[in-house]
Amino acid sequence: LMTAFRTIFQPAFQAAVPSLVSAQNLPTANAATQIVAEAGGLVGPG
């Protein structure tokens, strides 16, 4: 069930990003998203 709802959340999140930032900031936004993913994976288990 947790995996099922991840499959719903993630495409919606990724598809929403370009509509929330300007074109020139899109690479930076993707970098920030990756930083958040890594930081969450680092902080969560600890």
ModelCIF file with pLDDT and N, C-alpha, C, O atoms, coordinates in Angstrom:
data_MODEL
#
_entry.id   MODEL 
#
_entity.id                         1 
_entity.type                       polymer 
_entity.pdbx_number_of_molecules   1 
#
_entity_poly.entity_id                      1 
_entity_poly.type                           'polypeptide(L)' 
_entity_poly.nstd_linkage                   no 
_entity_poly.nstd_monomer                   no 
_entity_poly.pdbx_seq_one_letter_code       LMTAFRTIFQPAFQAAVPSLVSAQNLPTANAATQIVAEAGGLVGPG 
_entity_poly.pdbx_seq_one_letter_code_can   LMTAFRTIFQPAFQAAVPSLVSAQNLPTANAATQIVAEAGGLVGPG 
_entity_poly.pdbx_strand_id                 A 
#
loop_
_entity_poly_seq.entity_id 
_entity_poly_seq.num 
_entity_poly_seq.mon_id 
_entity_poly_seq.hetero 
1 1  LEU n 
1 2  MET n 
1 3  THR n 
1 4  ALA n 
1 5  PHE n 
1 6  ARG n 
1 7  THR n 
1 8  ILE n 
1 9  PHE n 
1 10 GLN n 
1 11 PRO n 
1 12 ALA n 
1 13 PHE n 
1 14 GLN n 
1 15 ALA n 
1 16 ALA n 
1 17 VAL n 
1 18 PRO n 
1 19 SER n 
1 20 LEU n 
1 21 VAL n 
1 22 SER n 
1 23 ALA n 
1 24 GLN n 
1 25 ASN n 
1 26 LEU n 
1 27 PRO n 
1 28 THR n 
1 29 ALA n 
1 30 ASN n 
1 31 ALA n 
1 32 ALA n 
1 33 THR n 
1 34 GLN n 
1 35 ILE n 
1 36 VAL n 
1 37 ALA n 
1 38 GLU n 
1 39 ALA n 
1 40 GLY n 
1 41 GLY n 
1 42 LEU n 
1 43 VAL n 
1 44 GLY n 
1 45 PRO n 
1 46 GLY n 
#
_struct_asym.id          A 
_struct_asym.entity_id   1 
#
loop_
_ma_qa_metric.id 
_ma_qa_metric.mode 
_ma_qa_metric.name 
_ma_qa_metric.software_group_id 
_ma_qa_metric.type 
1 global pLDDT . pLDDT 
2 local  pLDDT . pLDDT 
#
_ma_qa_metric_global.metric_id      1 
_ma_qa_metric_global.metric_value   79.37 
_ma_qa_metric_global.model_id       1 
_ma_qa_metric_global.ordinal_id     1 
#
loop_
_ma_qa_metric_local.label_asym_id 
_ma_qa_metric_local.label_comp_id 
_ma_qa_metric_local.label_seq_id 
_ma_qa_metric_local.metric_id 
_ma_qa_metric_local.metric_value 
_ma_qa_metric_local.model_id 
_ma_qa_metric_local.ordinal_id 
A LEU 1  2 91.00 1 1  
A MET 2  2 89.00 1 2  
A THR 3  2 84.00 1 3  
A ALA 4  2 87.00 1 4  
A PHE 5  2 89.00 1 5  
A ARG 6  2 86.00 1 6  
A THR 7  2 83.00 1 7  
A ILE 8  2 86.00 1 8  
A PHE 9  2 88.00 1 9  
A GLN 10 2 82.00 1 10 
A PRO 11 2 82.00 1 11 
A ALA 12 2 84.00 1 12 
A PHE 13 2 86.00 1 13 
A GLN 14 2 80.00 1 14 
A ALA 15 2 81.00 1 15 
A ALA 16 2 84.00 1 16 
A VAL 17 2 83.00 1 17 
A PRO 18 2 81.00 1 18 
A SER 19 2 80.00 1 19 
A LEU 20 2 83.00 1 20 
A VAL 21 2 81.00 1 21 
A SER 22 2 78.00 1 22 
A ALA 23 2 73.00 1 23 
A GLN 24 2 76.00 1 24 
A ASN 25 2 75.00 1 25 
A LEU 26 2 77.00 1 26 
A PRO 27 2 75.00 1 27 
A THR 28 2 77.00 1 28 
A ALA 29 2 80.00 1 29 
A ASN 30 2 75.00 1 30 
A ALA 31 2 74.00 1 31 
A ALA 32 2 79.00 1 32 
A THR 33 2 81.00 1 33 
A GLN 34 2 72.00 1 34 
A ILE 35 2 77.00 1 35 
A VAL 36 2 80.00 1 36 
A ALA 37 2 77.00 1 37 
A GLU 38 2 71.00 1 38 
A ALA 39 2 77.00 1 39 
A GLY 40 2 77.00 1 40 
A GLY 41 2 70.00 1 41 
A LEU 42 2 70.00 1 42 
A VAL 43 2 75.00 1 43 
A GLY 44 2 75.00 1 44 
A PRO 45 2 70.00 1 45 
A GLY 46 2 70.00 1 46 
#
loop_
_atom_site.group_PDB 
_atom_site.id 
_atom_site.type_symbol 
_atom_site.label_atom_id 
_atom_site.label_alt_id 
_atom_site.label_comp_id 
_atom_site.label_asym_id 
_atom_site.label_entity_id 
_atom_site.label_seq_id 
_atom_site.pdbx_PDB_ins_code 
_atom_site.Cartn_x 
_atom_site.Cartn_y 
_atom_site.Cartn_z 
_atom_site.occupancy 
_atom_site.B_iso_or_equiv 
_atom_site.pdbx_formal_charge 
_atom_site.auth_seq_id 
_atom_site.auth_comp_id 
_atom_site.auth_asym_id 
_atom_site.auth_atom_id 
_atom_site.pdbx_PDB_model_num 
ATOM 1   N N  . LEU A 1 1  ? 0.821  -1.209 0.000   1.00 91.00 ? 1  LEU A N  1 
ATOM 2   C CA . LEU A 1 1  ? 0.000  0.000  0.000   1.00 91.00 ? 1  LEU A CA 1 
ATOM 3   C C  . LEU A 1 1  ? 0.859  1.265  0.000   1.00 91.00 ? 1  LEU A C  1 
ATOM 4   O O  . LEU A 1 1  ? 0.547  2.229  -0.700  1.00 91.00 ? 1  LEU A O  1 
ATOM 5   N N  . MET A 1 2  ? 1.937  1.262  0.782   1.00 89.00 ? 2  MET A N  1 
ATOM 6   C CA . MET A 1 2  ? 2.825  2.427  0.798   1.00 89.00 ? 2  MET A CA 1 
ATOM 7   C C  . MET A 1 2  ? 3.446  2.641  -0.589  1.00 89.00 ? 2  MET A C  1 
ATOM 8   O O  . MET A 1 2  ? 3.550  3.775  -1.056  1.00 89.00 ? 2  MET A O  1 
ATOM 9   N N  . THR A 1 3  ? 3.851  1.563  -1.234  1.00 84.00 ? 3  THR A N  1 
ATOM 10  C CA . THR A 1 3  ? 4.410  1.667  -2.578  1.00 84.00 ? 3  THR A CA 1 
ATOM 11  C C  . THR A 1 3  ? 3.369  2.173  -3.560  1.00 84.00 ? 3  THR A C  1 
ATOM 12  O O  . THR A 1 3  ? 3.672  2.994  -4.426  1.00 84.00 ? 3  THR A O  1 
ATOM 13  N N  . ALA A 1 4  ? 2.135  1.681  -3.426  1.00 87.00 ? 4  ALA A N  1 
ATOM 14  C CA . ALA A 1 4  ? 1.058  2.083  -4.337  1.00 87.00 ? 4  ALA A CA 1 
ATOM 15  C C  . ALA A 1 4  ? 0.860  3.590  -4.334  1.00 87.00 ? 4  ALA A C  1 
ATOM 16  O O  . ALA A 1 4  ? 0.719  4.200  -5.393  1.00 87.00 ? 4  ALA A O  1 
ATOM 17  N N  . PHE A 1 5  ? 0.848  4.194  -3.151  1.00 89.00 ? 5  PHE A N  1 
ATOM 18  C CA . PHE A 1 5  ? 0.604  5.630  -3.093  1.00 89.00 ? 5  PHE A CA 1 
ATOM 19  C C  . PHE A 1 5  ? 1.846  6.439  -3.440  1.00 89.00 ? 5  PHE A C  1 
ATOM 20  O O  . PHE A 1 5  ? 1.738  7.609  -3.804  1.00 89.00 ? 5  PHE A O  1 
ATOM 21  N N  . ARG A 1 6  ? 3.022  5.831  -3.332  1.00 86.00 ? 6  ARG A N  1 
ATOM 22  C CA . ARG A 1 6  ? 4.216  6.501  -3.852  1.00 86.00 ? 6  ARG A CA 1 
ATOM 23  C C  . ARG A 1 6  ? 4.129  6.621  -5.371  1.00 86.00 ? 6  ARG A C  1 
ATOM 24  O O  . ARG A 1 6  ? 4.559  7.624  -5.941  1.00 86.00 ? 6  ARG A O  1 
ATOM 25  N N  . THR A 1 7  ? 3.573  5.598  -6.029  1.00 83.00 ? 7  THR A N  1 
ATOM 26  C CA . THR A 1 7  ? 3.442  5.645  -7.486  1.00 83.00 ? 7  THR A CA 1 
ATOM 27  C C  . THR A 1 7  ? 2.458  6.721  -7.930  1.00 83.00 ? 7  THR A C  1 
ATOM 28  O O  . THR A 1 7  ? 2.508  7.167  -9.076  1.00 83.00 ? 7  THR A O  1 
ATOM 29  N N  . ILE A 1 8  ? 1.568  7.143  -7.040  1.00 86.00 ? 8  ILE A N  1 
ATOM 30  C CA . ILE A 1 8  ? 0.639  8.225  -7.343  1.00 86.00 ? 8  ILE A CA 1 
ATOM 31  C C  . ILE A 1 8  ? 1.297  9.577  -7.068  1.00 86.00 ? 8  ILE A C  1 
ATOM 32  O O  . ILE A 1 8  ? 1.178  10.505 -7.868  1.00 86.00 ? 8  ILE A O  1 
ATOM 33  N N  . PHE A 1 9  ? 1.993  9.680  -5.930  1.00 88.00 ? 9  PHE A N  1 
ATOM 34  C CA . PHE A 1 9  ? 2.568  10.961 -5.508  1.00 88.00 ? 9  PHE A CA 1 
ATOM 35  C C  . PHE A 1 9  ? 3.709  11.402 -6.419  1.00 88.00 ? 9  PHE A C  1 
ATOM 36  O O  . PHE A 1 9  ? 3.738  12.553 -6.853  1.00 88.00 ? 9  PHE A O  1 
ATOM 37  N N  . GLN A 1 10 ? 4.651  10.502 -6.715  1.00 82.00 ? 10 GLN A N  1 
ATOM 38  C CA . GLN A 1 10 ? 5.888  10.918 -7.362  1.00 82.00 ? 10 GLN A CA 1 
ATOM 39  C C  . GLN A 1 10 ? 5.687  11.496 -8.762  1.00 82.00 ? 10 GLN A C  1 
ATOM 40  O O  . GLN A 1 10 ? 6.234  12.563 -9.041  1.00 82.00 ? 10 GLN A O  1 
ATOM 41  N N  . PRO A 1 11 ? 4.918  10.837 -9.681  1.00 82.00 ? 11 PRO A N  1 
ATOM 42  C CA . PRO A 1 11 ? 4.717  11.455 -11.001 1.00 82.00 ? 11 PRO A CA 1 
ATOM 43  C C  . PRO A 1 11 ? 4.010  12.805 -10.915 1.00 82.00 ? 11 PRO A C  1 
ATOM 44  O O  . PRO A 1 11 ? 4.333  13.723 -11.669 1.00 82.00 ? 11 PRO A O  1 
ATOM 45  N N  . ALA A 1 12 ? 3.041  12.931 -9.995  1.00 84.00 ? 12 ALA A N  1 
ATOM 46  C CA . ALA A 1 12 ? 2.338  14.203 -9.830  1.00 84.00 ? 12 ALA A CA 1 
ATOM 47  C C  . ALA A 1 12 ? 3.301  15.286 -9.346  1.00 84.00 ? 12 ALA A C  1 
ATOM 48  O O  . ALA A 1 12 ? 3.243  16.421 -9.818  1.00 84.00 ? 12 ALA A O  1 
ATOM 49  N N  . PHE A 1 13 ? 4.182  14.943 -8.411  1.00 86.00 ? 13 PHE A N  1 
ATOM 50  C CA . PHE A 1 13 ? 5.172  15.901 -7.898  1.00 86.00 ? 13 PHE A CA 1 
ATOM 51  C C  . PHE A 1 13 ? 6.122  16.332 -9.008  1.00 86.00 ? 13 PHE A C  1 
ATOM 52  O O  . PHE A 1 13 ? 6.362  17.524 -9.200  1.00 86.00 ? 13 PHE A O  1 
ATOM 53  N N  . GLN A 1 14 ? 6.665  15.351 -9.744  1.00 80.00 ? 14 GLN A N  1 
ATOM 54  C CA . GLN A 1 14 ? 7.637  15.674 -10.785 1.00 80.00 ? 14 GLN A CA 1 
ATOM 55  C C  . GLN A 1 14 ? 7.003  16.476 -11.922 1.00 80.00 ? 14 GLN A C  1 
ATOM 56  O O  . GLN A 1 14 ? 7.619  17.392 -12.466 1.00 80.00 ? 14 GLN A O  1 
ATOM 57  N N  . ALA A 1 15 ? 5.767  16.122 -12.272 1.00 81.00 ? 15 ALA A N  1 
ATOM 58  C CA . ALA A 1 15 ? 5.084  16.856 -13.338 1.00 81.00 ? 15 ALA A CA 1 
ATOM 59  C C  . ALA A 1 15 ? 4.712  18.272 -12.905 1.00 81.00 ? 15 ALA A C  1 
ATOM 60  O O  . ALA A 1 15 ? 4.549  19.154 -13.748 1.00 81.00 ? 15 ALA A O  1 
ATOM 61  N N  . ALA A 1 16 ? 4.576  18.496 -11.601 1.00 84.00 ? 16 ALA A N  1 
ATOM 62  C CA . ALA A 1 16 ? 4.189  19.816 -11.101 1.00 84.00 ? 16 ALA A CA 1 
ATOM 63  C C  . ALA A 1 16 ? 5.361  20.792 -11.054 1.00 84.00 ? 16 ALA A C  1 
ATOM 64  O O  . ALA A 1 16 ? 5.156  22.004 -11.135 1.00 84.00 ? 16 ALA A O  1 
ATOM 65  N N  . VAL A 1 17 ? 6.568  20.291 -10.926 1.00 83.00 ? 17 VAL A N  1 
ATOM 66  C CA . VAL A 1 17 ? 7.736  21.166 -10.725 1.00 83.00 ? 17 VAL A CA 1 
ATOM 67  C C  . VAL A 1 17 ? 7.898  22.212 -11.827 1.00 83.00 ? 17 VAL A C  1 
ATOM 68  O O  . VAL A 1 17 ? 8.076  23.386 -11.502 1.00 83.00 ? 17 VAL A O  1 
ATOM 69  N N  . PRO A 1 18 ? 7.846  21.848 -13.139 1.00 81.00 ? 18 PRO A N  1 
ATOM 70  C CA . PRO A 1 18 ? 8.050  22.876 -14.169 1.00 81.00 ? 18 PRO A CA 1 
ATOM 71  C C  . PRO A 1 18 ? 7.018  24.001 -14.129 1.00 81.00 ? 18 PRO A C  1 
ATOM 72  O O  . PRO A 1 18 ? 7.304  25.118 -14.560 1.00 81.00 ? 18 PRO A O  1 
ATOM 73  N N  . SER A 1 19 ? 5.826  23.716 -13.617 1.00 80.00 ? 19 SER A N  1 
ATOM 74  C CA . SER A 1 19 ? 4.788  24.743 -13.563 1.00 80.00 ? 19 SER A CA 1 
ATOM 75  C C  . SER A 1 19 ? 4.936  25.651 -12.346 1.00 80.00 ? 19 SER A C  1 
ATOM 76  O O  . SER A 1 19 ? 4.222  26.647 -12.229 1.00 80.00 ? 19 SER A O  1 
ATOM 77  N N  . LEU A 1 20 ? 5.854  25.321 -11.441 1.00 83.00 ? 20 LEU A N  1 
ATOM 78  C CA . LEU A 1 20 ? 6.025  26.110 -10.214 1.00 83.00 ? 20 LEU A CA 1 
ATOM 79  C C  . LEU A 1 20 ? 7.291  26.954 -10.218 1.00 83.00 ? 20 LEU A C  1 
ATOM 80  O O  . LEU A 1 20 ? 7.467  27.809 -9.349  1.00 83.00 ? 20 LEU A O  1 
ATOM 81  N N  . VAL A 1 21 ? 8.181  26.724 -11.192 1.00 81.00 ? 21 VAL A N  1 
ATOM 82  C CA . VAL A 1 21 ? 9.425  27.495 -11.264 1.00 81.00 ? 21 VAL A CA 1 
ATOM 83  C C  . VAL A 1 21 ? 9.609  28.032 -12.680 1.00 81.00 ? 21 VAL A C  1 
ATOM 84  O O  . VAL A 1 21 ? 9.049  27.491 -13.633 1.00 81.00 ? 21 VAL A O  1 
ATOM 85  N N  . SER A 1 22 ? 10.387 29.087 -12.809 1.00 78.00 ? 22 SER A N  1 
ATOM 86  C CA . SER A 1 22 ? 10.696 29.625 -14.128 1.00 78.00 ? 22 SER A CA 1 
ATOM 87  C C  . SER A 1 22 ? 11.654 28.687 -14.852 1.00 78.00 ? 22 SER A C  1 
ATOM 88  O O  . SER A 1 22 ? 12.348 27.888 -14.223 1.00 78.00 ? 22 SER A O  1 
ATOM 89  N N  . ALA A 1 23 ? 11.687 28.791 -16.182 1.00 73.00 ? 23 ALA A N  1 
ATOM 90  C CA . ALA A 1 23 ? 12.484 27.866 -16.993 1.00 73.00 ? 23 ALA A CA 1 
ATOM 91  C C  . ALA A 1 23 ? 13.954 27.898 -16.602 1.00 73.00 ? 23 ALA A C  1 
ATOM 92  O O  . ALA A 1 23 ? 14.602 26.853 -16.543 1.00 73.00 ? 23 ALA A O  1 
ATOM 93  N N  . GLN A 1 24 ? 14.490 29.099 -16.331 1.00 76.00 ? 24 GLN A N  1 
ATOM 94  C CA . GLN A 1 24 ? 15.918 29.197 -16.005 1.00 76.00 ? 24 GLN A CA 1 
ATOM 95  C C  . GLN A 1 24 ? 16.246 28.591 -14.644 1.00 76.00 ? 24 GLN A C  1 
ATOM 96  O O  . GLN A 1 24 ? 17.396 28.244 -14.375 1.00 76.00 ? 24 GLN A O  1 
ATOM 97  N N  . ASN A 1 25 ? 15.238 28.466 -13.791 1.00 75.00 ? 25 ASN A N  1 
ATOM 98  C CA . ASN A 1 25 ? 15.464 27.891 -12.465 1.00 75.00 ? 25 ASN A CA 1 
ATOM 99  C C  . ASN A 1 25 ? 15.184 26.392 -12.399 1.00 75.00 ? 25 ASN A C  1 
ATOM 100 O O  . ASN A 1 25 ? 15.359 25.779 -11.346 1.00 75.00 ? 25 ASN A O  1 
ATOM 101 N N  . LEU A 1 26 ? 14.751 25.797 -13.511 1.00 77.00 ? 26 LEU A N  1 
ATOM 102 C CA . LEU A 1 26 ? 14.386 24.381 -13.490 1.00 77.00 ? 26 LEU A CA 1 
ATOM 103 C C  . LEU A 1 26 ? 15.553 23.467 -13.111 1.00 77.00 ? 26 LEU A C  1 
ATOM 104 O O  . LEU A 1 26 ? 15.369 22.583 -12.274 1.00 77.00 ? 26 LEU A O  1 
ATOM 105 N N  . PRO A 1 27 ? 16.763 23.643 -13.700 1.00 75.00 ? 27 PRO A N  1 
ATOM 106 C CA . PRO A 1 27 ? 17.878 22.789 -13.262 1.00 75.00 ? 27 PRO A CA 1 
ATOM 107 C C  . PRO A 1 27 ? 18.169 22.931 -11.768 1.00 75.00 ? 27 PRO A C  1 
ATOM 108 O O  . PRO A 1 27 ? 18.435 21.941 -11.086 1.00 75.00 ? 27 PRO A O  1 
ATOM 109 N N  . THR A 1 28 ? 18.117 24.166 -11.264 1.00 77.00 ? 28 THR A N  1 
ATOM 110 C CA . THR A 1 28 ? 18.351 24.388 -9.835  1.00 77.00 ? 28 THR A CA 1 
ATOM 111 C C  . THR A 1 28 ? 17.277 23.706 -9.001  1.00 77.00 ? 28 THR A C  1 
ATOM 112 O O  . THR A 1 28 ? 17.561 23.137 -7.946  1.00 77.00 ? 28 THR A O  1 
ATOM 113 N N  . ALA A 1 29 ? 16.032 23.770 -9.486  1.00 80.00 ? 29 ALA A N  1 
ATOM 114 C CA . ALA A 1 29 ? 14.932 23.117 -8.776  1.00 80.00 ? 29 ALA A CA 1 
ATOM 115 C C  . ALA A 1 29 ? 15.131 21.607 -8.736  1.00 80.00 ? 29 ALA A C  1 
ATOM 116 O O  . ALA A 1 29 ? 14.868 20.972 -7.715  1.00 80.00 ? 29 ALA A O  1 
ATOM 117 N N  . ASN A 1 30 ? 15.597 21.025 -9.852  1.00 75.00 ? 30 ASN A N  1 
ATOM 118 C CA . ASN A 1 30 ? 15.868 19.582 -9.878  1.00 75.00 ? 30 ASN A CA 1 
ATOM 119 C C  . ASN A 1 30 ? 17.005 19.221 -8.937  1.00 75.00 ? 30 ASN A C  1 
ATOM 120 O O  . ASN A 1 30 ? 16.966 18.185 -8.272  1.00 75.00 ? 30 ASN A O  1 
ATOM 121 N N  . ALA A 1 31 ? 18.025 20.085 -8.883  1.00 74.00 ? 31 ALA A N  1 
ATOM 122 C CA . ALA A 1 31 ? 19.130 19.845 -7.946  1.00 74.00 ? 31 ALA A CA 1 
ATOM 123 C C  . ALA A 1 31 ? 18.616 19.901 -6.512  1.00 74.00 ? 31 ALA A C  1 
ATOM 124 O O  . ALA A 1 31 ? 18.977 19.064 -5.684  1.00 74.00 ? 31 ALA A O  1 
ATOM 125 N N  . ALA A 1 32 ? 17.765 20.894 -6.219  1.00 79.00 ? 32 ALA A N  1 
ATOM 126 C CA . ALA A 1 32 ? 17.208 21.012 -4.868  1.00 79.00 ? 32 ALA A CA 1 
ATOM 127 C C  . ALA A 1 32 ? 16.359 19.802 -4.521  1.00 79.00 ? 32 ALA A C  1 
ATOM 128 O O  . ALA A 1 32 ? 16.389 19.320 -3.389  1.00 79.00 ? 32 ALA A O  1 
ATOM 129 N N  . THR A 1 33 ? 15.600 19.311 -5.496  1.00 81.00 ? 33 THR A N  1 
ATOM 130 C CA . THR A 1 33 ? 14.783 18.114 -5.271  1.00 81.00 ? 33 THR A CA 1 
ATOM 131 C C  . THR A 1 33 ? 15.657 16.916 -4.945  1.00 81.00 ? 33 THR A C  1 
ATOM 132 O O  . THR A 1 33 ? 15.331 16.121 -4.063  1.00 81.00 ? 33 THR A O  1 
ATOM 133 N N  . GLN A 1 34 ? 16.786 16.786 -5.671  1.00 72.00 ? 34 GLN A N  1 
ATOM 134 C CA . GLN A 1 34 ? 17.702 15.683 -5.404  1.00 72.00 ? 34 GLN A CA 1 
ATOM 135 C C  . GLN A 1 34 ? 18.358 15.824 -4.034  1.00 72.00 ? 34 GLN A C  1 
ATOM 136 O O  . GLN A 1 34 ? 18.536 14.836 -3.321  1.00 72.00 ? 34 GLN A O  1 
ATOM 137 N N  . ILE A 1 35 ? 18.721 17.063 -3.664  1.00 77.00 ? 35 ILE A N  1 
ATOM 138 C CA . ILE A 1 35 ? 19.307 17.301 -2.340  1.00 77.00 ? 35 ILE A CA 1 
ATOM 139 C C  . ILE A 1 35 ? 18.323 16.897 -1.251  1.00 77.00 ? 35 ILE A C  1 
ATOM 140 O O  . ILE A 1 35 ? 18.696 16.256 -0.268  1.00 77.00 ? 35 ILE A O  1 
ATOM 141 N N  . VAL A 1 36 ? 17.064 17.279 -1.435  1.00 80.00 ? 36 VAL A N  1 
ATOM 142 C CA . VAL A 1 36 ? 16.018 16.928 -0.465  1.00 80.00 ? 36 VAL A CA 1 
ATOM 143 C C  . VAL A 1 36 ? 15.853 15.418 -0.366  1.00 80.00 ? 36 VAL A C  1 
ATOM 144 O O  . VAL A 1 36 ? 15.711 14.879 0.732   1.00 80.00 ? 36 VAL A O  1 
ATOM 145 N N  . ALA A 1 37 ? 15.870 14.727 -1.516  1.00 77.00 ? 37 ALA A N  1 
ATOM 146 C CA . ALA A 1 37 ? 15.727 13.271 -1.504  1.00 77.00 ? 37 ALA A CA 1 
ATOM 147 C C  . ALA A 1 37 ? 16.878 12.613 -0.745  1.00 77.00 ? 37 ALA A C  1 
ATOM 148 O O  . ALA A 1 37 ? 16.661 11.711 0.065   1.00 77.00 ? 37 ALA A O  1 
ATOM 149 N N  . GLU A 1 38 ? 18.112 13.072 -1.012  1.00 71.00 ? 38 GLU A N  1 
ATOM 150 C CA . GLU A 1 38 ? 19.274 12.503 -0.333  1.00 71.00 ? 38 GLU A CA 1 
ATOM 151 C C  . GLU A 1 38 ? 19.268 12.857 1.152   1.00 71.00 ? 38 GLU A C  1 
ATOM 152 O O  . GLU A 1 38 ? 19.565 12.019 2.003   1.00 71.00 ? 38 GLU A O  1 
ATOM 153 N N  . ALA A 1 39 ? 18.924 14.115 1.449   1.00 77.00 ? 39 ALA A N  1 
ATOM 154 C CA . ALA A 1 39 ? 18.905 14.552 2.851   1.00 77.00 ? 39 ALA A CA 1 
ATOM 155 C C  . ALA A 1 39 ? 17.835 13.800 3.634   1.00 77.00 ? 39 ALA A C  1 
ATOM 156 O O  . ALA A 1 39 ? 18.058 13.408 4.779   1.00 77.00 ? 39 ALA A O  1 
ATOM 157 N N  . GLY A 1 40 ? 16.672 13.600 3.013   1.00 77.00 ? 40 GLY A N  1 
ATOM 158 C CA . GLY A 1 40 ? 15.610 12.835 3.672   1.00 77.00 ? 40 GLY A CA 1 
ATOM 159 C C  . GLY A 1 40 ? 16.033 11.398 3.931   1.00 77.00 ? 40 GLY A C  1 
ATOM 160 O O  . GLY A 1 40 ? 15.766 10.836 4.993   1.00 77.00 ? 40 GLY A O  1 
ATOM 161 N N  . GLY A 1 41 ? 16.714 10.804 2.919   1.00 70.00 ? 41 GLY A N  1 
ATOM 162 C CA . GLY A 1 41 ? 17.211 9.443  3.100   1.00 70.00 ? 41 GLY A CA 1 
ATOM 163 C C  . GLY A 1 41 ? 18.300 9.350  4.152   1.00 70.00 ? 41 GLY A C  1 
ATOM 164 O O  . GLY A 1 41 ? 18.470 8.312  4.791   1.00 70.00 ? 41 GLY A O  1 
ATOM 165 N N  . LEU A 1 42 ? 19.040 10.441 4.331   1.00 70.00 ? 42 LEU A N  1 
ATOM 166 C CA . LEU A 1 42 ? 20.107 10.469 5.330   1.00 70.00 ? 42 LEU A CA 1 
ATOM 167 C C  . LEU A 1 42 ? 19.538 10.699 6.731   1.00 70.00 ? 42 LEU A C  1 
ATOM 168 O O  . LEU A 1 42 ? 19.950 10.055 7.695   1.00 70.00 ? 42 LEU A O  1 
ATOM 169 N N  . VAL A 1 43 ? 18.578 11.633 6.826   1.00 75.00 ? 43 VAL A N  1 
ATOM 170 C CA . VAL A 1 43 ? 18.018 12.014 8.122   1.00 75.00 ? 43 VAL A CA 1 
ATOM 171 C C  . VAL A 1 43 ? 17.011 10.988 8.633   1.00 75.00 ? 43 VAL A C  1 
ATOM 172 O O  . VAL A 1 43 ? 16.985 10.675 9.824   1.00 75.00 ? 43 VAL A O  1 
ATOM 173 N N  . GLY A 1 44 ? 16.176 10.462 7.721   1.00 75.00 ? 44 GLY A N  1 
ATOM 174 C CA . GLY A 1 44 ? 15.071 9.581  8.118   1.00 75.00 ? 44 GLY A CA 1 
ATOM 175 C C  . GLY A 1 44 ? 15.471 8.400  8.986   1.00 75.00 ? 44 GLY A C  1 
ATOM 176 O O  . GLY A 1 44 ? 14.974 8.276  10.105  1.00 75.00 ? 44 GLY A O  1 
ATOM 177 N N  . PRO A 1 45 ? 16.366 7.516  8.501   1.00 70.00 ? 45 PRO A N  1 
ATOM 178 C CA . PRO A 1 45 ? 16.754 6.365  9.326   1.00 70.00 ? 45 PRO A CA 1 
ATOM 179 C C  . PRO A 1 45 ? 17.408 6.769  10.650  1.00 70.00 ? 45 PRO A C  1 
ATOM 180 O O  . PRO A 1 45 ? 17.156 6.159  11.689  1.00 70.00 ? 45 PRO A O  1 
ATOM 181 N N  . GLY A 1 46 ? 18.262 7.820  10.597  1.00 70.00 ? 46 GLY A N  1 
ATOM 182 C CA . GLY A 1 46 ? 18.901 8.274  11.833  1.00 70.00 ? 46 GLY A CA 1 
ATOM 183 C C  . GLY A 1 46 ? 17.895 8.838  12.820  1.00 70.00 ? 46 GLY A C  1 
ATOM 184 O O  . GLY A 1 46 ? 18.273 9.264  13.911  1.00 70.00 ? 46 GLY A O  1 
#
